Amino acid sequence: MEKKTTIKQEKKLWFKLDLSANVYPTLQRKNFSSVFRLSVLLKSEIDPLLLQQAVDETLPRFPTFQVAIRKGLFWRYLEKNTRPGPYVQPDISNPCMPMPFRANNRYLIRIYYYDRRISLEAHHSLADGSGGMFLLQTITAVYLRLKGHFISNTAYVLNIHEAPDKEELEDAYVRYASSKVCPKRTQERAYRVRGTSEPFYTLNIICGVLSVKEITQVSKSYGASITEYLNAVLLYALLEKQKMEHPYKLRPVKLALPVNLRRFFPSKTLRNFISMVYPTIDPRLGPYSFEEILSQVHYYMRYYITDKFLNGDITTNVKTQQHPLIRIVPLFIKDMIVKQFYTRIQDKQSSAGLTNMGALPVPKEMAPFIERFDIYMGQPFSARTNCAIGSFEDVLTINFASSIIEADIEQLFFKKLVKDGIHVHIESNRI
């Protein structure tokens, strides 16, 4: 009897969507889902049967990924998914495809393999990149153990035989929102790249592979960090692109930069815990040299990426969601309001997206089996390009994901790196 009760209780397990996650299902449409991808490239070919076994053994340790999304009267929520799966499958040429909520036995993750690569795709309503990296690295560790190797439970690898820590399941936004003031946000429109939209099933990937040592030396020569330098290079490329178009009216160039809040507010959450900042260059003030762009990015990030400003930002979001009037508004009305706000205002506040997960640690026993990691922000909501960066040992990868045919931004970006003396190896899924 006790065993039956436990199974019944497990089936009823459910989670509220975290603060960020509430937006992503609202933006869902037939040709768009908020999906990101994380990949690990090993040094030997993947055995799909062992990989499936690793997924089956690992997923129960991650209850917030073993879920389906459901609709309530006022909010959506995540419910434990007891259906078979998810099943590993051969990789596809166009990653991060739309993820219908009823497809794939209702799972919101997909696991692919190709040659030596394991890839995890996840809907953003489940987690951010950090949460996804814990799942990917744990699957990889279990896979390598099944091949006979010892891998310790350190870095991003969790012990699959332990129950999840309650903190891993929390909505950390609510826990830390404590600011006494809610800062105002700019709603000024940013420069938008003009291009020819690809069919919705096409995602163009351009990947640059380079040396961490080389880019560190160049960044230091400018007196900047790697993140500051790469932000400045992308802003420079966007400014050059706008200049090439000879627009009637110049607009500010802005990046949407996710900040991992775990760096400032201790939390083990495997769900979303990020906040957005917007490094900006306004060409209406006059022409900028690259050094001036980099200087502005440097001081912007040091001024805004602090626990005080980030707390103010998350407090604004939490107070908005918890407002009594918002809580009682039916879900279909919330969806209409959020979709209109995002389409008309929020999406137009940035020229491109850029995320940098930084150096990715792994258990020391696992390092000899890994060549590199790749991160993809996925399909942009509107016709533009997104950029995602990560590094492992001396290999740094920069992945652009674009829904337009033209690759001017990517070309200008990598040309600047080469001009600064950085060797770049380019890969792409384009023909």
Protein backbone atom coordinates (compact mmCIF):
# COMPACT_ATOMS: atom_id res chain seq x y z
CA MET A 1 0.00 0.00 0.00
CA GLU A 2 2.82 2.41 0.89
CA LYS A 3 4.48 1.82 -2.47
CA LYS A 4 1.24 2.60 -4.38
CA THR A 5 0.77 5.80 -2.39
CA THR A 6 4.28 6.93 -3.19
CA ILE A 7 3.76 6.36 -6.92
CA LYS A 8 0.45 8.25 -6.79
CA GLN A 9 2.09 11.16 -4.98
CA GLU A 10 4.90 11.28 -7.54
CA LYS A 11 2.38 11.54 -10.37
CA LYS A 12 0.83 14.57 -8.68
CA LEU A 13 4.17 16.37 -8.37
CA TRP A 14 3.99 19.82 -9.94
CA PHE A 15 5.87 23.14 -9.97
CA LYS A 16 4.89 26.73 -10.53
CA LEU A 17 6.68 28.31 -13.46
CA ASP A 18 9.48 30.53 -12.18
CA LEU A 19 9.38 34.29 -12.71
CA SER A 20 11.20 34.25 -16.08
CA ALA A 21 9.50 31.08 -17.29
CA ASN A 22 6.03 32.65 -17.30
CA VAL A 23 6.92 34.70 -20.39
CA TYR A 24 8.28 31.94 -22.64
CA PRO A 25 5.10 29.86 -23.17
CA THR A 26 3.21 33.07 -23.92
CA LEU A 27 5.52 33.75 -26.89
CA GLN A 28 5.05 30.22 -28.24
CA ARG A 29 3.76 30.00 -31.80
CA LYS A 30 3.86 27.42 -34.58
CA ASN A 31 7.12 28.78 -35.98
CA PHE A 32 8.80 29.81 -32.72
CA SER A 33 9.68 28.30 -29.35
CA SER A 34 12.08 29.63 -26.71
CA VAL A 35 14.58 26.77 -27.07
CA PHE A 36 18.30 26.76 -26.33
CA ARG A 37 20.94 24.11 -27.03
CA LEU A 38 24.02 22.92 -25.14
CA SER A 39 26.48 20.48 -26.71
CA VAL A 40 29.53 18.56 -25.59
CA LEU A 41 32.01 17.18 -28.13
CA LEU A 42 33.74 14.05 -26.88
CA LYS A 43 36.88 12.41 -28.27
CA SER A 44 35.22 9.14 -29.26
CA GLU A 45 32.06 8.24 -31.20
CA ILE A 46 28.77 8.20 -29.28
CA ASP A 47 27.08 4.87 -28.55
CA PRO A 48 23.35 5.74 -28.79
CA LEU A 49 22.21 2.72 -26.73
CA LEU A 50 24.48 3.66 -23.83
CA LEU A 51 23.45 7.30 -24.19
CA GLN A 52 19.78 6.33 -23.90
CA GLN A 53 20.58 4.33 -20.77
CA ALA A 54 22.43 7.33 -19.34
CA VAL A 55 19.44 9.59 -20.00
CA ASP A 56 17.04 7.09 -18.39
CA GLU A 57 19.21 6.82 -15.28
CA THR A 58 19.86 10.56 -15.00
CA LEU A 59 16.51 12.22 -15.63
CA PRO A 60 14.75 11.15 -12.39
CA ARG A 61 17.44 13.13 -10.51
CA PHE A 62 16.19 16.28 -12.31
CA PRO A 63 12.45 16.50 -11.52
CA THR A 64 12.11 20.02 -12.98
CA PHE A 65 13.17 18.64 -16.38
CA GLN A 66 11.00 15.49 -16.22
CA VAL A 67 7.81 17.49 -16.69
CA ALA A 68 5.05 18.54 -19.07
CA ILE A 69 3.55 22.03 -19.23
CA ARG A 70 -0.09 22.47 -18.26
CA LYS A 71 -2.59 25.32 -18.40
CA GLY A 72 -4.56 26.53 -15.39
CA LEU A 73 -7.20 29.24 -15.21
CA PHE A 74 -4.73 31.92 -14.07
CA TRP A 75 -1.23 30.47 -14.66
CA ARG A 76 0.60 27.69 -16.42
CA TYR A 77 2.45 25.10 -14.36
CA LEU A 78 4.81 22.13 -14.79
CA GLU A 79 3.54 18.64 -13.97
CA LYS A 80 5.56 15.44 -13.57
CA ASN A 81 5.67 13.60 -16.90
CA THR A 82 5.30 9.83 -16.52
CA ARG A 83 5.15 9.09 -20.25
CA PRO A 84 7.94 7.06 -21.93
CA GLY A 85 10.96 9.05 -23.04
CA PRO A 86 12.57 11.30 -23.86
CA TYR A 87 14.35 9.23 -26.50
CA VAL A 88 17.77 10.09 -27.88
CA GLN A 89 17.75 10.70 -31.64
CA PRO A 90 20.21 11.41 -34.46
CA ASP A 91 21.02 15.10 -34.74
CA ILE A 92 19.43 17.41 -37.32
CA SER A 93 20.98 20.12 -39.50
CA ASN A 94 18.77 22.92 -38.14
CA PRO A 95 18.84 22.88 -34.33
CA CYS A 96 16.48 24.53 -31.82
CA MET A 97 13.38 23.86 -33.89
CA PRO A 98 9.98 24.84 -32.43
CA MET A 99 8.94 22.58 -29.54
CA PRO A 100 5.14 22.04 -29.51
CA PHE A 101 3.97 21.29 -25.98
CA ARG A 102 2.07 18.15 -27.04
CA ALA A 103 4.87 16.66 -29.16
CA ASN A 104 7.69 14.37 -27.96
CA ASN A 105 5.37 12.74 -25.39
CA ARG A 106 5.04 16.24 -23.87
CA TYR A 107 8.70 16.40 -22.83
CA LEU A 108 10.27 19.85 -23.07
CA ILE A 109 13.77 18.54 -23.67
CA ARG A 110 15.39 16.77 -26.62
CA ILE A 111 18.65 14.80 -26.65
CA TYR A 112 20.56 14.38 -29.91
CA TYR A 113 23.76 12.61 -30.90
CA TYR A 114 26.00 12.90 -33.93
CA ASP A 115 29.42 11.30 -34.35
CA ARG A 116 31.20 12.44 -31.12
CA ARG A 117 28.63 15.08 -30.04
CA ILE A 118 25.86 14.94 -27.42
CA SER A 119 23.36 17.81 -27.57
CA LEU A 120 20.65 18.85 -25.15
CA GLU A 121 17.83 21.15 -26.24
CA ALA A 122 15.53 22.56 -23.58
CA HIS A 123 12.56 24.89 -23.53
CA HIS A 124 13.40 28.04 -21.57
CA SER A 125 10.34 27.56 -19.37
CA LEU A 126 12.34 24.82 -17.61
CA ALA A 127 15.73 26.39 -17.02
CA ASP A 128 18.48 28.73 -18.12
CA GLY A 129 21.86 27.68 -19.51
CA SER A 130 23.35 26.95 -16.09
CA GLY A 131 20.52 24.60 -15.15
CA GLY A 132 20.77 22.90 -18.54
CA MET A 133 24.54 22.48 -18.16
CA PHE A 134 24.02 20.48 -14.94
CA LEU A 135 21.75 18.08 -16.83
CA LEU A 136 24.06 17.79 -19.86
CA GLN A 137 27.21 17.20 -17.81
CA THR A 138 25.49 14.70 -15.52
CA ILE A 139 24.18 12.72 -18.53
CA THR A 140 27.69 12.80 -20.00
CA ALA A 141 29.26 11.61 -16.73
CA VAL A 142 26.77 8.72 -16.41
CA TYR A 143 27.41 7.82 -20.07
CA LEU A 144 31.18 7.68 -19.47
CA ARG A 145 30.65 5.58 -16.32
CA LEU A 146 28.61 3.10 -18.37
CA LYS A 147 31.66 2.85 -20.64
CA GLY A 148 33.74 1.85 -17.60
CA HIS A 149 35.29 5.17 -16.50
CA PHE A 150 35.27 6.65 -13.01
CA ILE A 151 33.79 10.16 -12.90
CA SER A 152 33.32 12.02 -9.62
CA ASN A 153 30.28 14.13 -8.72
CA THR A 154 31.87 17.57 -8.91
CA ALA A 155 31.53 20.77 -10.98
CA TYR A 156 28.27 20.49 -12.99
CA VAL A 157 27.87 16.74 -12.28
CA LEU A 158 25.27 15.80 -9.65
CA ASN A 159 24.92 12.50 -7.79
CA ILE A 160 22.05 10.65 -9.47
CA HIS A 161 21.60 8.44 -6.39
CA GLU A 162 20.82 11.38 -4.11
CA ALA A 163 17.46 13.10 -3.76
CA PRO A 164 17.33 16.62 -5.24
CA ASP A 165 18.17 19.45 -2.87
CA LYS A 166 15.04 21.58 -2.24
CA GLU A 167 17.05 24.63 -3.29
CA GLU A 168 17.51 23.13 -6.78
CA LEU A 169 13.74 23.34 -7.30
CA GLU A 170 13.16 26.85 -5.95
CA ASP A 171 12.09 30.02 -7.72
CA ALA A 172 15.11 32.00 -6.55
CA TYR A 173 13.71 35.29 -7.87
CA VAL A 174 11.02 35.33 -5.17
CA ARG A 175 13.54 34.43 -2.47
CA TYR A 176 15.88 37.33 -3.22
CA ALA A 177 13.55 40.15 -4.38
CA SER A 178 14.05 42.62 -1.51
CA SER A 179 14.84 46.02 -3.05
CA LYS A 180 12.99 49.03 -1.59
CA VAL A 181 12.82 50.65 -5.03
CA CYS A 182 11.91 49.44 -8.51
CA PRO A 183 14.21 51.14 -11.06
CA LYS A 184 12.63 52.57 -14.20
CA ARG A 185 13.53 50.98 -17.51
CA THR A 186 14.22 52.63 -20.81
CA GLN A 187 11.77 51.78 -23.60
CA GLU A 188 13.66 53.46 -26.42
CA ARG A 189 13.78 51.45 -29.62
CA ALA A 190 17.15 50.09 -30.69
CA TYR A 191 18.66 49.62 -34.14
CA ARG A 192 17.35 46.46 -35.79
CA VAL A 193 19.27 44.48 -38.41
CA ARG A 194 17.45 44.28 -41.70
CA GLY A 195 17.67 41.01 -43.55
CA THR A 196 15.85 38.38 -45.56
CA SER A 197 13.95 36.03 -43.26
CA GLU A 198 14.63 32.32 -43.65
CA PRO A 199 11.76 29.81 -43.61
CA PHE A 200 10.85 29.12 -39.98
CA TYR A 201 12.40 25.65 -40.05
CA THR A 202 15.84 27.07 -40.96
CA LEU A 203 18.32 28.25 -38.34
CA ASN A 204 21.69 29.43 -39.62
CA ILE A 205 24.62 28.62 -37.34
CA ILE A 206 28.06 30.20 -37.73
CA CYS A 207 30.60 29.05 -35.15
CA GLY A 208 34.01 30.54 -34.46
CA VAL A 209 36.54 28.37 -32.60
CA LEU A 210 39.54 30.15 -31.08
CA SER A 211 42.19 29.98 -28.38
CA VAL A 212 41.40 31.21 -24.87
CA LYS A 213 45.05 32.23 -24.45
CA GLU A 214 44.98 34.39 -27.58
CA ILE A 215 41.75 36.18 -26.76
CA THR A 216 42.88 36.69 -23.14
CA GLN A 217 46.07 38.40 -24.35
CA VAL A 218 44.13 40.67 -26.72
CA SER A 219 41.53 41.54 -24.07
CA LYS A 220 44.26 42.39 -21.58
CA SER A 221 45.98 44.60 -24.13
CA TYR A 222 42.77 46.68 -24.19
CA GLY A 223 42.51 46.60 -20.37
CA ALA A 224 39.30 44.58 -20.50
CA SER A 225 37.88 41.16 -19.63
CA ILE A 226 37.01 38.64 -22.37
CA THR A 227 33.27 39.31 -21.89
CA GLU A 228 33.75 43.08 -22.14
CA TYR A 229 35.92 42.70 -25.23
CA LEU A 230 33.46 40.42 -27.05
CA ASN A 231 30.51 42.66 -26.12
CA ALA A 232 32.41 45.60 -27.59
CA VAL A 233 33.23 43.67 -30.78
CA LEU A 234 29.55 42.81 -31.34
CA LEU A 235 28.48 46.41 -30.68
CA TYR A 236 31.20 47.54 -33.12
CA ALA A 237 29.88 45.12 -35.78
CA LEU A 238 26.32 46.37 -35.30
CA LEU A 239 27.41 50.01 -35.53
CA GLU A 240 29.32 49.26 -38.74
CA LYS A 241 26.30 47.46 -40.18
CA GLN A 242 23.99 50.40 -39.41
CA LYS A 243 26.53 52.78 -40.98
CA MET A 244 26.63 50.65 -44.16
CA GLU A 245 22.85 51.01 -44.52
CA HIS A 246 23.01 54.86 -44.56
CA PRO A 247 19.79 55.12 -42.54
CA TYR A 248 17.64 58.23 -42.55
CA LYS A 249 17.62 58.09 -38.76
CA LEU A 250 20.33 56.56 -36.54
CA ARG A 251 19.25 54.50 -33.55
CA PRO A 252 21.10 53.30 -30.43
CA VAL A 253 22.78 49.90 -30.73
CA LYS A 254 21.94 47.72 -27.74
CA LEU A 255 22.77 44.18 -26.65
CA ALA A 256 20.47 42.00 -24.55
CA LEU A 257 22.96 40.45 -22.11
CA PRO A 258 21.72 37.80 -19.63
CA VAL A 259 23.47 37.90 -16.24
CA ASN A 260 23.71 34.72 -14.14
CA LEU A 261 22.26 35.85 -10.80
CA ARG A 262 23.86 32.91 -8.97
CA ARG A 263 27.09 34.93 -9.04
CA PHE A 264 25.48 37.53 -6.76
CA PHE A 265 22.75 35.67 -4.87
CA PRO A 266 23.75 32.19 -3.62
CA SER A 267 21.33 29.59 -4.95
CA LYS A 268 21.53 26.01 -6.20
CA THR A 269 18.43 26.42 -8.34
CA LEU A 270 18.41 24.48 -11.61
CA ARG A 271 15.64 26.70 -12.97
CA ASN A 272 15.83 30.16 -14.54
CA PHE A 273 17.80 32.67 -12.49
CA ILE A 274 19.01 35.39 -14.83
CA SER A 275 18.47 39.10 -15.33
CA MET A 276 18.97 41.21 -18.46
CA VAL A 277 21.21 44.23 -18.87
CA TYR A 278 21.60 46.27 -22.06
CA PRO A 279 25.08 47.61 -22.94
CA THR A 280 24.38 50.48 -25.34
CA ILE A 281 26.20 52.74 -27.79
CA ASP A 282 24.31 55.73 -29.20
CA PRO A 283 25.80 56.84 -32.55
CA ARG A 284 23.62 59.96 -32.50
CA LEU A 285 26.16 61.39 -30.04
CA GLY A 286 28.90 61.09 -32.64
CA PRO A 287 31.25 58.47 -34.13
CA TYR A 288 32.85 55.98 -31.74
CA SER A 289 36.28 54.35 -32.08
CA PHE A 290 36.54 50.73 -30.94
CA GLU A 291 38.50 51.84 -27.87
CA GLU A 292 35.68 54.21 -26.93
CA ILE A 293 33.09 51.45 -27.36
CA LEU A 294 35.13 49.13 -25.15
CA SER A 295 35.59 51.81 -22.49
CA GLN A 296 31.85 52.46 -22.37
CA VAL A 297 31.07 48.74 -22.11
CA HIS A 298 33.69 48.35 -19.36
CA TYR A 299 32.17 51.05 -17.14
CA TYR A 300 28.58 50.13 -17.98
CA MET A 301 29.08 46.57 -16.81
CA ARG A 302 30.85 47.59 -13.63
CA TYR A 303 28.10 50.09 -12.83
CA TYR A 304 25.05 47.96 -13.61
CA ILE A 305 26.16 44.38 -12.97
CA THR A 306 26.08 44.61 -9.17
CA ASP A 307 23.88 42.95 -6.58
CA LYS A 308 22.09 46.26 -5.84
CA PHE A 309 20.98 47.04 -9.40
CA LEU A 310 20.17 43.41 -10.18
CA ASN A 311 18.08 43.10 -7.02
CA GLY A 312 16.13 46.18 -8.07
CA ASP A 313 15.44 44.60 -11.45
CA ILE A 314 14.19 41.28 -10.10
CA THR A 315 12.13 43.07 -7.44
CA THR A 316 10.34 45.01 -10.18
CA ASN A 317 9.46 41.76 -11.95
CA VAL A 318 8.37 39.94 -8.80
CA LYS A 319 6.16 42.82 -7.61
CA THR A 320 4.53 43.03 -11.05
CA GLN A 321 3.70 39.32 -11.08
CA GLN A 322 2.44 39.33 -7.49
CA HIS A 323 0.20 42.38 -7.91
CA PRO A 324 -3.33 41.39 -6.76
CA LEU A 325 -4.94 42.53 -10.03
CA ILE A 326 -2.43 40.57 -12.13
CA ARG A 327 -3.02 37.41 -10.09
CA ILE A 328 -6.78 37.35 -10.71
CA VAL A 329 -6.65 38.12 -14.44
CA PRO A 330 -7.44 34.95 -16.49
CA LEU A 331 -4.52 33.37 -18.32
CA PHE A 332 -5.79 34.14 -21.85
CA ILE A 333 -5.89 37.86 -21.03
CA LYS A 334 -2.40 37.72 -19.46
CA ASP A 335 -1.17 36.05 -22.66
CA MET A 336 -2.60 38.80 -24.87
CA ILE A 337 -1.10 41.59 -22.74
CA VAL A 338 2.36 39.99 -22.43
CA LYS A 339 2.52 39.11 -26.13
CA GLN A 340 1.59 42.65 -27.16
CA PHE A 341 4.10 44.18 -24.72
CA TYR A 342 6.92 41.88 -25.84
CA THR A 343 6.24 42.30 -29.56
CA ARG A 344 5.74 46.08 -29.54
CA ILE A 345 8.21 47.13 -26.83
CA GLN A 346 10.49 44.52 -25.24
CA ASP A 347 11.73 42.83 -28.42
CA LYS A 348 12.51 46.20 -30.00
CA GLN A 349 14.78 47.28 -27.14
CA SER A 350 17.82 45.31 -28.33
CA SER A 351 19.76 44.89 -31.58
CA ALA A 352 21.12 41.41 -30.78
CA GLY A 353 21.46 38.97 -27.92
CA LEU A 354 24.76 37.86 -26.41
CA THR A 355 25.38 35.39 -23.61
CA ASN A 356 28.70 34.18 -22.21
CA MET A 357 28.72 31.18 -19.87
CA GLY A 358 32.46 31.64 -19.37
CA ALA A 359 34.87 28.85 -18.53
CA LEU A 360 32.98 25.59 -17.99
CA PRO A 361 34.47 23.39 -15.27
CA VAL A 362 34.13 19.58 -15.38
CA PRO A 363 35.22 16.81 -13.00
CA LYS A 364 38.97 16.28 -13.44
CA GLU A 365 38.38 12.64 -14.45
CA MET A 366 36.03 13.75 -17.24
CA ALA A 367 38.29 16.38 -18.80
CA PRO A 368 40.45 13.93 -20.86
CA PHE A 369 37.35 12.71 -22.71
CA ILE A 370 36.09 16.18 -23.74
CA GLU A 371 37.22 18.32 -26.66
CA ARG A 372 34.89 21.32 -26.27
CA PHE A 373 31.44 22.66 -25.41
CA ASP A 374 29.04 24.63 -27.64
CA ILE A 375 26.21 26.91 -26.54
CA TYR A 376 23.39 28.16 -28.77
CA MET A 377 20.81 30.78 -27.79
CA GLY A 378 18.45 29.35 -30.37
CA GLN A 379 16.05 30.92 -32.82
CA PRO A 380 15.55 34.67 -32.25
CA PHE A 381 11.99 35.89 -31.70
CA SER A 382 12.37 38.33 -34.60
CA ALA A 383 14.63 38.38 -37.66
CA ARG A 384 18.07 39.03 -36.19
CA THR A 385 21.11 37.20 -34.81
CA ASN A 386 21.97 35.91 -31.33
CA CYS A 387 25.44 35.06 -30.04
CA ALA A 388 26.44 32.53 -27.36
CA ILE A 389 29.92 31.96 -25.94
CA GLY A 390 31.54 29.32 -23.75
CA SER A 391 34.98 27.89 -23.17
CA PHE A 392 36.64 24.69 -22.02
CA GLU A 393 40.35 24.64 -21.26
CA ASP A 394 41.97 26.51 -24.20
CA VAL A 395 39.01 26.21 -26.61
CA LEU A 396 36.53 29.08 -26.79
CA THR A 397 33.50 28.81 -29.08
CA ILE A 398 31.36 31.67 -30.35
CA ASN A 399 28.08 30.50 -31.88
CA PHE A 400 25.84 32.84 -33.87
CA ALA A 401 22.27 31.67 -34.45
CA SER A 402 20.37 33.63 -37.06
CA SER A 403 16.99 33.49 -38.75
CA ILE A 404 18.06 35.71 -41.68
CA ILE A 405 20.03 34.86 -44.83
CA GLU A 406 22.56 37.71 -44.63
CA ALA A 407 25.62 37.17 -42.41
CA ASP A 408 27.02 40.71 -42.37
CA ILE A 409 27.12 40.97 -38.56
CA GLU A 410 28.95 37.68 -38.19
CA GLN A 411 31.42 38.64 -40.91
CA LEU A 412 32.16 42.04 -39.34
CA PHE A 413 32.50 40.42 -35.91
CA PHE A 414 35.03 37.78 -36.90
CA LYS A 415 36.94 40.19 -39.14
CA LYS A 416 37.55 42.39 -36.11
CA LEU A 417 38.87 39.42 -34.11
CA VAL A 418 41.25 38.49 -36.94
CA LYS A 419 42.36 42.12 -37.30
CA ASP A 420 43.27 42.06 -33.59
CA GLY A 421 45.51 39.04 -34.20
CA ILE A 422 43.18 36.25 -33.05
CA HIS A 423 43.14 33.07 -35.15
CA VAL A 424 39.57 31.94 -35.82
CA HIS A 425 38.39 28.63 -37.27
CA ILE A 426 34.90 28.95 -38.78
CA GLU A 427 32.29 26.18 -38.90
CA SER A 428 28.70 26.41 -40.13
CA ASN A 429 25.59 24.44 -41.01
CA ARG A 430 25.19 26.63 -44.10
CA ILE A 431 25.80 25.07 -47.50
